[in-house]
């Protein structure tokens, strides 16, 4: 079987829960995968706004999930509250196939999956139909404001509620991952969000990322992540058109196959 990433060491910076699937995808392509969790999902300081919103769930016309975490924490909280929600009259938007899959796994039907998984594309899909509509966006405490402001500009009444927060793992929690990273010379670093990049720098106390990543390949999921990385003068080599880990694996493979072809054919 062809192993296009044989002898490549790839560092994946995600939460532990999300890393296992990434490990399998890149492992099957022959890569030596180092998992390096840079984020952990924790409960918000208060669920008050979210709880208030779901009490009036039937008043909403749209429910927008921007991540797998938002779906899982939404469902977890609903379960804790012992509430049964009726999704019949609400249009559910899921950004990305993994988010949509998480919805289905939690018995939430999905009505729309935008082609590109960013705020601009969601707004573009909905702008002609959401005037005076009520939109619920459960998200993280550090979610960007573009989606809410864009929908509001299109005339929607948007309720953004914090359903989880993104924290940094304690150093003792990830000591073994740090040791493994230090024992290896990574070829590729994968960052799936601005938080994974910023937290990686923080955990390892990297003051000069431009030098640290100088001889490595950087892959990013999404233009938002790409911008965050490049704002610190680190060059991003790979950004897949579709913002999924599967598409990223394909893009990483293509990247190295092109390099191999160039080396062989000069």
C-alpha atoms as a PDB file:
ATOM      1  CA  UNK A   1       0.000   0.000   0.000  1.00  0.00           C
ATOM      2  CA  UNK A   2       1.267   3.482  -0.936  1.00  0.00           C
ATOM      3  CA  UNK A   3       2.359   5.498   2.113  1.00  0.00           C
ATOM      4  CA  UNK A   4       2.951   9.004   0.728  1.00  0.00           C
ATOM      5  CA  UNK A   5       3.873  10.497   4.113  1.00  0.00           C
ATOM      6  CA  UNK A   6       6.343   7.761   5.083  1.00  0.00           C
ATOM      7  CA  UNK A   7       9.207   9.120   7.238  1.00  0.00           C
ATOM      8  CA  UNK A   8       7.430  12.444   7.765  1.00  0.00           C
ATOM      9  CA  UNK A   9       6.906  13.571  11.352  1.00  0.00           C
ATOM     10  CA  UNK A  10       3.713  15.579  11.740  1.00  0.00           C
ATOM     11  CA  UNK A  11       2.667  17.505  14.837  1.00  0.00           C
ATOM     12  CA  UNK A  12      -1.089  17.915  15.307  1.00  0.00           C
ATOM     13  CA  UNK A  13      -2.159  20.619  17.735  1.00  0.00           C
ATOM     14  CA  UNK A  14      -5.770  20.057  18.774  1.00  0.00           C
ATOM     15  CA  UNK A  15      -7.752  19.034  21.810  1.00  0.00           C
ATOM     16  CA  UNK A  16      -7.213  15.434  22.931  1.00  0.00           C
ATOM     17  CA  UNK A  17     -10.802  14.505  22.007  1.00  0.00           C
ATOM     18  CA  UNK A  18     -10.340  15.610  18.394  1.00  0.00           C
ATOM     19  CA  UNK A  19      -6.806  14.312  17.939  1.00  0.00           C
ATOM     20  CA  UNK A  20      -7.575  10.590  17.699  1.00  0.00           C
ATOM     21  CA  UNK A  21      -9.278  10.835  14.293  1.00  0.00           C
ATOM     22  CA  UNK A  22      -6.413  12.995  13.004  1.00  0.00           C
ATOM     23  CA  UNK A  23      -3.915  10.416  14.262  1.00  0.00           C
ATOM     24  CA  UNK A  24      -5.653   7.688  12.257  1.00  0.00           C
ATOM     25  CA  UNK A  25      -5.910   9.746   9.072  1.00  0.00           C
ATOM     26  CA  UNK A  26      -2.238  10.753   8.974  1.00  0.00           C
ATOM     27  CA  UNK A  27      -1.032   7.458  10.442  1.00  0.00           C
ATOM     28  CA  UNK A  28      -2.686   5.577   7.583  1.00  0.00           C
ATOM     29  CA  UNK A  29      -0.682   7.721   5.152  1.00  0.00           C
ATOM     30  CA  UNK A  30       2.551   6.540   6.786  1.00  0.00           C
ATOM     31  CA  UNK A  31       3.318   9.597   8.906  1.00  0.00           C
ATOM     32  CA  UNK A  32       4.861   9.516  12.350  1.00  0.00           C
ATOM     33  CA  UNK A  33       2.211  11.521  14.202  1.00  0.00           C
ATOM     34  CA  UNK A  34       2.877  13.503  17.364  1.00  0.00           C
ATOM     35  CA  UNK A  35      -0.256  14.628  19.155  1.00  0.00           C
ATOM     36  CA  UNK A  36       0.266  17.880  21.010  1.00  0.00           C
ATOM     37  CA  UNK A  37      -2.943  19.104  22.685  1.00  0.00           C
ATOM     38  CA  UNK A  38      -2.891  22.891  22.912  1.00  0.00           C
ATOM     39  CA  UNK A  39      -6.495  23.426  23.918  1.00  0.00           C
ATOM     40  CA  UNK A  40      -8.943  21.965  26.370  1.00  0.00           C
ATOM     41  CA  UNK A  41     -12.670  22.577  26.330  1.00  0.00           C
ATOM     42  CA  UNK A  42     -14.133  23.778  29.622  1.00  0.00           C
ATOM     43  CA  UNK A  43     -17.507  25.004  30.818  1.00  0.00           C
ATOM     44  CA  UNK A  44     -18.188  28.740  30.732  1.00  0.00           C
ATOM     45  CA  UNK A  45     -18.227  30.796  33.914  1.00  0.00           C
ATOM     46  CA  UNK A  46     -22.017  30.912  33.603  1.00  0.00           C
ATOM     47  CA  UNK A  47     -24.678  29.184  31.501  1.00  0.00           C
ATOM     48  CA  UNK A  48     -27.233  31.861  32.382  1.00  0.00           C
ATOM     49  CA  UNK A  49     -27.610  33.421  28.914  1.00  0.00           C
ATOM     50  CA  UNK A  50     -27.687  30.044  27.191  1.00  0.00           C
ATOM     51  CA  UNK A  51     -30.244  28.622  29.620  1.00  0.00           C
ATOM     52  CA  UNK A  52     -32.451  31.670  29.101  1.00  0.00           C
ATOM     53  CA  UNK A  53     -32.212  31.287  25.325  1.00  0.00           C
ATOM     54  CA  UNK A  54     -33.180  27.608  25.267  1.00  0.00           C
ATOM     55  CA  UNK A  55     -36.176  28.275  27.501  1.00  0.00           C
ATOM     56  CA  UNK A  56     -37.421  30.364  24.560  1.00  0.00           C
ATOM     57  CA  UNK A  57     -36.119  27.958  21.924  1.00  0.00           C
ATOM     58  CA  UNK A  58     -39.370  27.933  19.948  1.00  0.00           C
ATOM     59  CA  UNK A  59     -38.971  31.658  19.280  1.00  0.00           C
ATOM     60  CA  UNK A  60     -35.852  31.062  17.191  1.00  0.00           C
ATOM     61  CA  UNK A  61     -35.921  30.591  13.418  1.00  0.00           C
ATOM     62  CA  UNK A  62     -32.264  29.621  12.981  1.00  0.00           C
ATOM     63  CA  UNK A  63     -29.682  27.709  15.007  1.00  0.00           C
ATOM     64  CA  UNK A  64     -26.065  28.013  13.848  1.00  0.00           C
ATOM     65  CA  UNK A  65     -23.297  25.645  14.959  1.00  0.00           C
ATOM     66  CA  UNK A  66     -19.773  26.721  14.037  1.00  0.00           C
ATOM     67  CA  UNK A  67     -17.846  23.753  15.473  1.00  0.00           C
ATOM     68  CA  UNK A  68     -18.098  20.196  16.747  1.00  0.00           C
ATOM     69  CA  UNK A  69     -17.464  21.528  20.247  1.00  0.00           C
ATOM     70  CA  UNK A  70     -20.452  23.862  20.042  1.00  0.00           C
ATOM     71  CA  UNK A  71     -22.709  20.936  19.094  1.00  0.00           C
ATOM     72  CA  UNK A  72     -21.409  18.648  21.828  1.00  0.00           C
ATOM     73  CA  UNK A  73     -21.545  21.273  24.583  1.00  0.00           C
ATOM     74  CA  UNK A  74     -25.010  22.383  23.426  1.00  0.00           C
ATOM     75  CA  UNK A  75     -26.285  18.808  23.626  1.00  0.00           C
ATOM     76  CA  UNK A  76     -24.541  18.195  26.946  1.00  0.00           C
ATOM     77  CA  UNK A  77     -26.144  21.252  28.522  1.00  0.00           C
ATOM     78  CA  UNK A  78     -29.594  20.405  27.142  1.00  0.00           C
ATOM     79  CA  UNK A  79     -29.225  16.959  28.684  1.00  0.00           C
ATOM     80  CA  UNK A  80     -28.154  18.462  32.034  1.00  0.00           C
ATOM     81  CA  UNK A  81     -31.234  20.700  31.982  1.00  0.00           C
ATOM     82  CA  UNK A  82     -33.392  17.693  31.119  1.00  0.00           C
ATOM     83  CA  UNK A  83     -35.039  19.620  28.273  1.00  0.00           C
ATOM     84  CA  UNK A  84     -36.477  18.086  25.112  1.00  0.00           C
ATOM     85  CA  UNK A  85     -36.164  20.512  22.206  1.00  0.00           C
ATOM     86  CA  UNK A  86     -38.313  20.492  19.077  1.00  0.00           C
ATOM     87  CA  UNK A  87     -36.234  21.204  15.955  1.00  0.00           C
ATOM     88  CA  UNK A  88     -39.170  20.962  13.525  1.00  0.00           C
ATOM     89  CA  UNK A  89     -39.575  24.678  12.888  1.00  0.00           C
ATOM     90  CA  UNK A  90     -35.978  25.809  13.209  1.00  0.00           C
ATOM     91  CA  UNK A  91     -33.400  25.830  10.413  1.00  0.00           C
ATOM     92  CA  UNK A  92     -30.124  24.304  11.605  1.00  0.00           C
ATOM     93  CA  UNK A  93     -26.887  25.462   9.966  1.00  0.00           C
ATOM     94  CA  UNK A  94     -23.700  23.430  10.520  1.00  0.00           C
ATOM     95  CA  UNK A  95     -20.327  24.720   9.370  1.00  0.00           C
ATOM     96  CA  UNK A  96     -18.519  21.728   7.967  1.00  0.00           C
ATOM     97  CA  UNK A  97     -19.111  18.027   7.523  1.00  0.00           C
ATOM     98  CA  UNK A  98     -17.721  17.152  10.968  1.00  0.00           C
ATOM     99  CA  UNK A  99     -20.020  19.660  12.650  1.00  0.00           C
ATOM    100  CA  UNK A 100     -22.947  18.241  10.678  1.00  0.00           C
ATOM    101  CA  UNK A 101     -21.942  14.702  11.692  1.00  0.00           C
ATOM    102  CA  UNK A 102     -21.842  15.775  15.354  1.00  0.00           C
ATOM    103  CA  UNK A 103     -25.358  17.198  14.948  1.00  0.00           C
ATOM    104  CA  UNK A 104     -26.691  13.925  13.570  1.00  0.00           C
ATOM    105  CA  UNK A 105     -24.954  11.958  16.332  1.00  0.00           C
ATOM    106  CA  UNK A 106     -26.816  14.161  18.819  1.00  0.00           C
ATOM    107  CA  UNK A 107     -30.156  13.744  17.009  1.00  0.00           C
ATOM    108  CA  UNK A 108     -30.142  17.272  15.610  1.00  0.00           C
ATOM    109  CA  UNK A 109     -31.244  17.492  11.972  1.00  0.00           C
ATOM    110  CA  UNK A 110     -29.172  19.701   9.664  1.00  0.00           C
ATOM    111  CA  UNK A 111     -30.704  21.922   6.979  1.00  0.00           C
ATOM    112  CA  UNK A 112     -27.674  23.710   5.576  1.00  0.00           C
ATOM    113  CA  UNK A 113     -23.935  23.039   5.323  1.00  0.00           C
ATOM    114  CA  UNK A 114     -22.206  26.031   3.673  1.00  0.00           C
ATOM    115  CA  UNK A 115     -19.677  25.189   0.963  1.00  0.00           C
ATOM    116  CA  UNK A 116     -16.914  27.105   2.751  1.00  0.00           C
ATOM    117  CA  UNK A 117     -16.814  26.939   6.505  1.00  0.00           C
ATOM    118  CA  UNK A 118     -16.314  30.588   7.376  1.00  0.00           C
ATOM    119  CA  UNK A 119     -18.455  33.480   8.579  1.00  0.00           C
ATOM    120  CA  UNK A 120     -18.556  35.184   5.174  1.00  0.00           C
ATOM    121  CA  UNK A 121     -19.996  32.120   3.485  1.00  0.00           C
ATOM    122  CA  UNK A 122     -22.649  31.554   6.159  1.00  0.00           C
ATOM    123  CA  UNK A 123     -23.733  35.192   5.884  1.00  0.00           C
ATOM    124  CA  UNK A 124     -23.792  34.916   2.091  1.00  0.00           C
ATOM    125  CA  UNK A 125     -26.035  31.841   2.306  1.00  0.00           C
ATOM    126  CA  UNK A 126     -28.500  33.442   4.705  1.00  0.00           C
ATOM    127  CA  UNK A 127     -28.485  37.191   4.029  1.00  0.00           C
ATOM    128  CA  UNK A 128     -31.539  37.163   1.734  1.00  0.00           C
ATOM    129  CA  UNK A 129     -33.772  35.239   4.127  1.00  0.00           C
ATOM    130  CA  UNK A 130     -32.966  36.300   7.676  1.00  0.00           C
ATOM    131  CA  UNK A 131     -34.334  39.830   7.938  1.00  0.00           C
ATOM    132  CA  UNK A 132     -36.318  40.083  11.197  1.00  0.00           C
ATOM    133  CA  UNK A 133     -35.574  36.411  11.958  1.00  0.00           C
ATOM    134  CA  UNK A 134     -34.316  35.219  15.347  1.00  0.00           C
ATOM    135  CA  UNK A 135     -30.953  33.454  15.238  1.00  0.00           C
ATOM    136  CA  UNK A 136     -29.295  31.488  18.056  1.00  0.00           C
ATOM    137  CA  UNK A 137     -25.510  31.050  17.916  1.00  0.00           C
ATOM    138  CA  UNK A 138     -24.083  28.885  20.743  1.00  0.00           C
ATOM    139  CA  UNK A 139     -20.315  29.237  20.612  1.00  0.00           C
ATOM    140  CA  UNK A 140     -17.058  29.639  22.499  1.00  0.00           C
ATOM    141  CA  UNK A 141     -16.118  32.652  24.579  1.00  0.00           C
ATOM    142  CA  UNK A 142     -13.451  33.563  22.020  1.00  0.00           C
ATOM    143  CA  UNK A 143     -15.611  33.210  18.901  1.00  0.00           C
ATOM    144  CA  UNK A 144     -14.978  35.929  16.338  1.00  0.00           C
ATOM    145  CA  UNK A 145     -17.624  38.617  15.909  1.00  0.00           C
ATOM    146  CA  UNK A 146     -17.842  38.572  12.088  1.00  0.00           C
ATOM    147  CA  UNK A 147     -20.708  36.094  11.983  1.00  0.00           C
ATOM    148  CA  UNK A 148     -22.874  37.907  14.520  1.00  0.00           C
ATOM    149  CA  UNK A 149     -22.178  41.370  13.099  1.00  0.00           C
ATOM    150  CA  UNK A 150     -22.753  40.177   9.519  1.00  0.00           C
ATOM    151  CA  UNK A 151     -26.077  38.531  10.339  1.00  0.00           C
ATOM    152  CA  UNK A 152     -27.127  41.580  12.355  1.00  0.00           C
ATOM    153  CA  UNK A 153     -26.276  43.840   9.398  1.00  0.00           C
ATOM    154  CA  UNK A 154     -28.516  41.642   7.236  1.00  0.00           C
ATOM    155  CA  UNK A 155     -31.398  42.403   9.618  1.00  0.00           C
ATOM    156  CA  UNK A 156     -31.377  39.334  11.869  1.00  0.00           C
ATOM    157  CA  UNK A 157     -31.941  39.386  15.618  1.00  0.00           C
ATOM    158  CA  UNK A 158     -28.929  37.412  16.807  1.00  0.00           C
ATOM    159  CA  UNK A 159     -28.507  35.890  20.252  1.00  0.00           C
ATOM    160  CA  UNK A 160     -24.915  34.743  20.793  1.00  0.00           C
ATOM    161  CA  UNK A 161     -24.503  32.590  23.884  1.00  0.00           C
ATOM    162  CA  UNK A 162     -21.281  31.200  25.321  1.00  0.00           C
ATOM    163  CA  UNK A 163     -21.612  27.433  25.663  1.00  0.00           C
ATOM    164  CA  UNK A 164     -17.934  26.631  26.291  1.00  0.00           C
ATOM    165  CA  UNK A 165     -14.544  28.202  26.811  1.00  0.00           C
ATOM    166  CA  UNK A 166     -11.205  27.271  25.324  1.00  0.00           C
ATOM    167  CA  UNK A 167      -8.477  26.850  27.919  1.00  0.00           C
ATOM    168  CA  UNK A 168      -4.794  25.917  27.822  1.00  0.00           C
ATOM    169  CA  UNK A 169      -3.865  22.499  29.255  1.00  0.00           C
ATOM    170  CA  UNK A 170      -1.681  22.581  32.361  1.00  0.00           C
ATOM    171  CA  UNK A 171       1.937  21.709  31.638  1.00  0.00           C
ATOM    172  CA  UNK A 172       1.796  18.609  33.835  1.00  0.00           C
ATOM    173  CA  UNK A 173      -1.233  17.400  31.833  1.00  0.00           C
ATOM    174  CA  UNK A 174       0.794  17.410  28.630  1.00  0.00           C
ATOM    175  CA  UNK A 175       4.316  16.695  29.943  1.00  0.00           C
ATOM    176  CA  UNK A 176       4.537  13.444  27.945  1.00  0.00           C
ATOM    177  CA  UNK A 177       3.544  15.256  24.740  1.00  0.00           C
ATOM    178  CA  UNK A 178       6.210  17.915  25.320  1.00  0.00           C
ATOM    179  CA  UNK A 179       8.828  15.176  25.842  1.00  0.00           C
ATOM    180  CA  UNK A 180       7.852  13.421  22.623  1.00  0.00           C
ATOM    181  CA  UNK A 181       7.990  16.676  20.678  1.00  0.00           C
ATOM    182  CA  UNK A 182      11.473  17.406  22.032  1.00  0.00           C
ATOM    183  CA  UNK A 183      12.672  13.918  21.053  1.00  0.00           C
ATOM    184  CA  UNK A 184      11.693  14.421  17.418  1.00  0.00           C
ATOM    185  CA  UNK A 185      12.403  16.793  14.540  1.00  0.00           C
ATOM    186  CA  UNK A 186       8.988  17.625  13.075  1.00  0.00           C
ATOM    187  CA  UNK A 187       8.564  18.126   9.336  1.00  0.00           C
ATOM    188  CA  UNK A 188       5.033  19.523   9.540  1.00  0.00           C
ATOM    189  CA  UNK A 189       3.038  21.450  12.123  1.00  0.00           C
ATOM    190  CA  UNK A 190      -0.743  21.446  11.794  1.00  0.00           C
ATOM    191  CA  UNK A 191      -2.802  24.227  13.346  1.00  0.00           C
ATOM    192  CA  UNK A 192      -6.589  24.005  13.239  1.00  0.00           C
ATOM    193  CA  UNK A 193      -7.492  27.371  14.785  1.00  0.00           C
ATOM    194  CA  UNK A 194      -5.837  30.609  15.921  1.00  0.00           C
ATOM    195  CA  UNK A 195      -6.067  29.275  19.503  1.00  0.00           C
ATOM    196  CA  UNK A 196      -4.037  26.147  18.730  1.00  0.00           C
ATOM    197  CA  UNK A 197      -1.246  28.321  17.324  1.00  0.00           C
ATOM    198  CA  UNK A 198      -1.241  30.945  20.085  1.00  0.00           C
ATOM    199  CA  UNK A 199      -1.415  28.310  22.810  1.00  0.00           C
ATOM    200  CA  UNK A 200       1.417  26.289  21.248  1.00  0.00           C
ATOM    201  CA  UNK A 201       3.656  29.365  21.455  1.00  0.00           C
ATOM    202  CA  UNK A 202       2.547  29.998  25.025  1.00  0.00           C
ATOM    203  CA  UNK A 203       3.058  26.417  26.274  1.00  0.00           C
ATOM    204  CA  UNK A 204       6.558  26.166  24.828  1.00  0.00           C
ATOM    205  CA  UNK A 205       7.421  29.808  25.605  1.00  0.00           C
ATOM    206  CA  UNK A 206       8.371  30.501  21.987  1.00  0.00           C
ATOM    207  CA  UNK A 207       9.396  34.162  21.725  1.00  0.00           C
ATOM    208  CA  UNK A 208      10.467  34.099  18.098  1.00  0.00           C
ATOM    209  CA  UNK A 209       8.114  31.854  16.087  1.00  0.00           C
ATOM    210  CA  UNK A 210       9.693  32.942  12.803  1.00  0.00           C
ATOM    211  CA  UNK A 211      12.945  31.248  13.849  1.00  0.00           C
ATOM    212  CA  UNK A 212      11.316  28.269  15.629  1.00  0.00           C
ATOM    213  CA  UNK A 213       9.323  27.222  12.532  1.00  0.00           C
ATOM    214  CA  UNK A 214      11.981  28.238   9.998  1.00  0.00           C
ATOM    215  CA  UNK A 215      12.795  24.781   8.611  1.00  0.00           C
ATOM    216  CA  UNK A 216       9.337  23.240   8.867  1.00  0.00           C
ATOM    217  CA  UNK A 217       6.166  23.088   6.813  1.00  0.00           C
ATOM    218  CA  UNK A 218       3.143  24.842   8.308  1.00  0.00           C
ATOM    219  CA  UNK A 219      -0.382  23.665   7.498  1.00  0.00           C
ATOM    220  CA  UNK A 220      -3.478  25.558   8.609  1.00  0.00           C
ATOM    221  CA  UNK A 221      -7.169  24.798   8.499  1.00  0.00           C
ATOM    222  CA  UNK A 222      -8.956  27.953   7.417  1.00  0.00           C
ATOM    223  CA  UNK A 223      -8.006  31.438   6.336  1.00  0.00           C
ATOM    224  CA  UNK A 224      -8.584  32.757   9.869  1.00  0.00           C
ATOM    225  CA  UNK A 225      -5.919  30.403  11.213  1.00  0.00           C
ATOM    226  CA  UNK A 226      -3.620  31.252   8.317  1.00  0.00           C
ATOM    227  CA  UNK A 227      -3.930  34.992   9.068  1.00  0.00           C
ATOM    228  CA  UNK A 228      -3.199  34.488  12.776  1.00  0.00           C
ATOM    229  CA  UNK A 229      -0.025  32.537  11.972  1.00  0.00           C
ATOM    230  CA  UNK A 230       1.215  34.887   9.263  1.00  0.00           C
ATOM    231  CA  UNK A 231       0.634  37.911  11.511  1.00  0.00           C
ATOM    232  CA  UNK A 232       3.712  36.689  13.426  1.00  0.00           C
ATOM    233  CA  UNK A 233       5.812  36.398  10.247  1.00  0.00           C
ATOM    234  CA  UNK A 234       5.495  32.624  10.014  1.00  0.00           C
ATOM    235  CA  UNK A 235       4.926  31.397   6.474  1.00  0.00           C
ATOM    236  CA  UNK A 236       1.935  29.082   5.958  1.00  0.00           C
ATOM    237  CA  UNK A 237       2.629  26.521   3.232  1.00  0.00           C
ATOM    238  CA  UNK A 238      -0.649  24.615   3.114  1.00  0.00           C
ATOM    239  CA  UNK A 239      -4.300  25.701   3.444  1.00  0.00           C
ATOM    240  CA  UNK A 240      -6.867  23.268   2.011  1.00  0.00           C
ATOM    241  CA  UNK A 241      -9.832  24.672   0.087  1.00  0.00           C
ATOM    242  CA  UNK A 242     -12.199  22.648   2.242  1.00  0.00           C
ATOM    243  CA  UNK A 243     -11.644  23.242   5.944  1.00  0.00           C
ATOM    244  CA  UNK A 244     -11.532  19.648   7.207  1.00  0.00           C
ATOM    245  CA  UNK A 245      -8.747  17.433   8.536  1.00  0.00           C
ATOM    246  CA  UNK A 246      -9.365  14.987   5.649  1.00  0.00           C
ATOM    247  CA  UNK A 247      -8.880  17.735   3.064  1.00  0.00           C
ATOM    248  CA  UNK A 248      -5.804  18.897   4.942  1.00  0.00           C
ATOM    249  CA  UNK A 249      -4.299  15.393   4.855  1.00  0.00           C
ATOM    250  CA  UNK A 250      -4.848  15.357   1.096  1.00  0.00           C
ATOM    251  CA  UNK A 251      -3.214  18.791   0.731  1.00  0.00           C
ATOM    252  CA  UNK A 252      -0.195  17.758   2.832  1.00  0.00           C
ATOM    253  CA  UNK A 253       0.192  14.639   0.685  1.00  0.00           C
ATOM    254  CA  UNK A 254      -0.022  16.702  -2.532  1.00  0.00           C
ATOM    255  CA  UNK A 255       2.543  19.157  -1.178  1.00  0.00           C
ATOM    256  CA  UNK A 256       5.173  16.479  -0.578  1.00  0.00           C
ATOM    257  CA  UNK A 257       4.387  14.610  -3.794  1.00  0.00           C
ATOM    258  CA  UNK A 258       5.057  17.817  -5.753  1.00  0.00           C
ATOM    259  CA  UNK A 259       8.355  18.323  -3.913  1.00  0.00           C
ATOM    260  CA  UNK A 260       9.370  14.710  -4.623  1.00  0.00           C
ATOM    261  CA  UNK A 261       8.446  15.105  -8.293  1.00  0.00           C
ATOM    262  CA  UNK A 262      10.466  18.336  -8.570  1.00  0.00           C
ATOM    263  CA  UNK A 263      13.474  16.739  -6.860  1.00  0.00           C
ATOM    264  CA  UNK A 264      13.339  13.723  -9.176  1.00  0.00           C
ATOM    265  CA  UNK A 265      12.848  15.695 -12.382  1.00  0.00           C
ATOM    266  CA  UNK A 266      14.940  18.701 -11.474  1.00  0.00           C
END
